[in-house]
Amino acid sequence: MAQLTPEEFLDTILVPEKESDHICWNCRGFKPVLKDSSYPPADIVGWCMNIHWPHYWCVADFNVVKKCYAFEEKKKG
């Protein structure tokens, strides 16, 4: 069995509530809303931990994000 990094391990056990085609899903700073979580509003798919002033930026279903100044590619293997 291949050795997983901590980020890869969390990606396997933390299942997101929704998925979309946002560029955010490939960013290290994106934290998705977890499955069966009742806290966030229905249209929120996650938060950006890189854009943090004054609070973390919420990513909604209806946002069309094609380019982001804070984007950091997730490391692959």
C-alpha atoms as a PDB file:
ATOM      1  CA  MET A   1       0.000   0.000   0.000  1.00  0.00           C
ATOM      2  CA  ALA A   2       1.291   3.446  -0.904  1.00  0.00           C
ATOM      3  CA  GLN A   3       2.105   5.925   1.834  1.00  0.00           C
ATOM      4  CA  LEU A   4      -0.433   8.782   2.042  1.00  0.00           C
ATOM      5  CA  THR A   5       0.405  12.331   3.033  1.00  0.00           C
ATOM      6  CA  PRO A   6      -1.746  13.844   5.808  1.00  0.00           C
ATOM      7  CA  GLU A   7      -3.671  15.905   3.209  1.00  0.00           C
ATOM      8  CA  GLU A   8      -4.353  12.838   1.045  1.00  0.00           C
ATOM      9  CA  PHE A   9      -5.535  10.883   4.090  1.00  0.00           C
ATOM     10  CA  LEU A  10      -7.978  13.622   5.113  1.00  0.00           C
ATOM     11  CA  ASP A  11      -9.304  13.755   1.543  1.00  0.00           C
ATOM     12  CA  THR A  12     -10.246  10.079   1.835  1.00  0.00           C
ATOM     13  CA  ILE A  13     -12.132  10.300   5.151  1.00  0.00           C
ATOM     14  CA  LEU A  14     -13.664  13.800   5.085  1.00  0.00           C
ATOM     15  CA  VAL A  15     -16.468  13.499   2.543  1.00  0.00           C
ATOM     16  CA  PRO A  16     -17.814  16.819   1.185  1.00  0.00           C
ATOM     17  CA  GLU A  17     -21.550  17.519   1.143  1.00  0.00           C
ATOM     18  CA  LYS A  18     -21.472  18.781  -2.467  1.00  0.00           C
ATOM     19  CA  GLU A  19     -19.052  19.041  -5.357  1.00  0.00           C
ATOM     20  CA  SER A  20     -18.829  21.604  -8.137  1.00  0.00           C
ATOM     21  CA  ASP A  21     -16.488  22.625 -10.931  1.00  0.00           C
ATOM     22  CA  HIS A  22     -14.923  25.514  -9.008  1.00  0.00           C
ATOM     23  CA  ILE A  23     -11.167  26.001  -9.274  1.00  0.00           C
ATOM     24  CA  CYS A  24     -11.327  26.039  -5.459  1.00  0.00           C
ATOM     25  CA  TRP A  25     -11.610  22.229  -5.236  1.00  0.00           C
ATOM     26  CA  ASN A  26      -7.988  21.940  -6.435  1.00  0.00           C
ATOM     27  CA  CYS A  27      -6.671  24.508  -3.936  1.00  0.00           C
ATOM     28  CA  ARG A  28      -4.894  23.696  -0.663  1.00  0.00           C
ATOM     29  CA  GLY A  29      -6.772  26.483   1.123  1.00  0.00           C
ATOM     30  CA  PHE A  30     -10.267  25.220   0.311  1.00  0.00           C
ATOM     31  CA  LYS A  31     -12.133  23.491   3.133  1.00  0.00           C
ATOM     32  CA  PRO A  32     -15.409  21.882   2.018  1.00  0.00           C
ATOM     33  CA  VAL A  33     -18.593  21.619   4.036  1.00  0.00           C
ATOM     34  CA  LEU A  34     -18.656  18.042   5.337  1.00  0.00           C
ATOM     35  CA  LYS A  35     -21.437  15.566   4.595  1.00  0.00           C
ATOM     36  CA  ASP A  36     -24.361  15.649   7.058  1.00  0.00           C
ATOM     37  CA  SER A  37     -23.228  18.995   8.491  1.00  0.00           C
ATOM     38  CA  SER A  38     -26.217  21.161   9.421  1.00  0.00           C
ATOM     39  CA  TYR A  39     -24.378  24.415  10.152  1.00  0.00           C
ATOM     40  CA  PRO A  40     -23.773  26.332   6.892  1.00  0.00           C
ATOM     41  CA  PRO A  41     -26.479  27.702   4.591  1.00  0.00           C
ATOM     42  CA  ALA A  42     -27.547  25.362   1.787  1.00  0.00           C
ATOM     43  CA  ASP A  43     -25.699  27.192  -1.013  1.00  0.00           C
ATOM     44  CA  ILE A  44     -22.249  27.169   0.687  1.00  0.00           C
ATOM     45  CA  VAL A  45     -19.878  24.452  -0.591  1.00  0.00           C
ATOM     46  CA  GLY A  46     -16.880  25.461   1.527  1.00  0.00           C
ATOM     47  CA  TRP A  47     -14.504  28.117   2.830  1.00  0.00           C
ATOM     48  CA  CYS A  48     -11.239  29.527   1.556  1.00  0.00           C
ATOM     49  CA  MET A  49      -8.586  29.598   4.262  1.00  0.00           C
ATOM     50  CA  ASN A  50      -6.267  31.732   2.082  1.00  0.00           C
ATOM     51  CA  ILE A  51      -8.632  34.702   1.667  1.00  0.00           C
ATOM     52  CA  HIS A  52      -9.198  35.420   5.331  1.00  0.00           C
ATOM     53  CA  TRP A  53      -9.915  39.086   5.978  1.00  0.00           C
ATOM     54  CA  PRO A  54     -11.998  39.787   8.036  1.00  0.00           C
ATOM     55  CA  HIS A  55     -13.394  36.232   8.003  1.00  0.00           C
ATOM     56  CA  TYR A  56     -12.768  33.248   5.777  1.00  0.00           C
ATOM     57  CA  TRP A  57     -14.343  33.731   2.359  1.00  0.00           C
ATOM     58  CA  CYS A  58     -17.391  31.501   1.797  1.00  0.00           C
ATOM     59  CA  VAL A  59     -17.609  29.715  -1.551  1.00  0.00           C
ATOM     60  CA  ALA A  60     -21.182  29.334  -2.758  1.00  0.00           C
ATOM     61  CA  ASP A  61     -22.660  27.133  -5.476  1.00  0.00           C
ATOM     62  CA  PHE A  62     -23.532  30.127  -7.611  1.00  0.00           C
ATOM     63  CA  ASN A  63     -20.056  31.758  -7.563  1.00  0.00           C
ATOM     64  CA  VAL A  64     -18.194  31.315 -10.846  1.00  0.00           C
ATOM     65  CA  VAL A  65     -14.513  31.241  -9.878  1.00  0.00           C
ATOM     66  CA  LYS A  66     -12.180  30.893 -12.862  1.00  0.00           C
ATOM     67  CA  LYS A  67      -9.035  32.517 -11.485  1.00  0.00           C
ATOM     68  CA  CYS A  68      -7.924  33.374  -7.951  1.00  0.00           C
ATOM     69  CA  TYR A  69      -4.937  35.335  -6.643  1.00  0.00           C
ATOM     70  CA  ALA A  70      -4.743  33.117  -3.534  1.00  0.00           C
ATOM     71  CA  PHE A  71      -4.857  29.775  -5.406  1.00  0.00           C
ATOM     72  CA  GLU A  72      -2.330  27.134  -4.255  1.00  0.00           C
ATOM     73  CA  GLU A  73      -2.356  23.843  -6.196  1.00  0.00           C
ATOM     74  CA  LYS A  74      -2.820  20.733  -4.044  1.00  0.00           C
ATOM     75  CA  LYS A  75       0.273  18.550  -4.090  1.00  0.00           C
ATOM     76  CA  LYS A  76      -0.213  15.348  -6.034  1.00  0.00           C
ATOM     77  CA  GLY A  77       1.609  12.234  -4.867  1.00  0.00           C
END
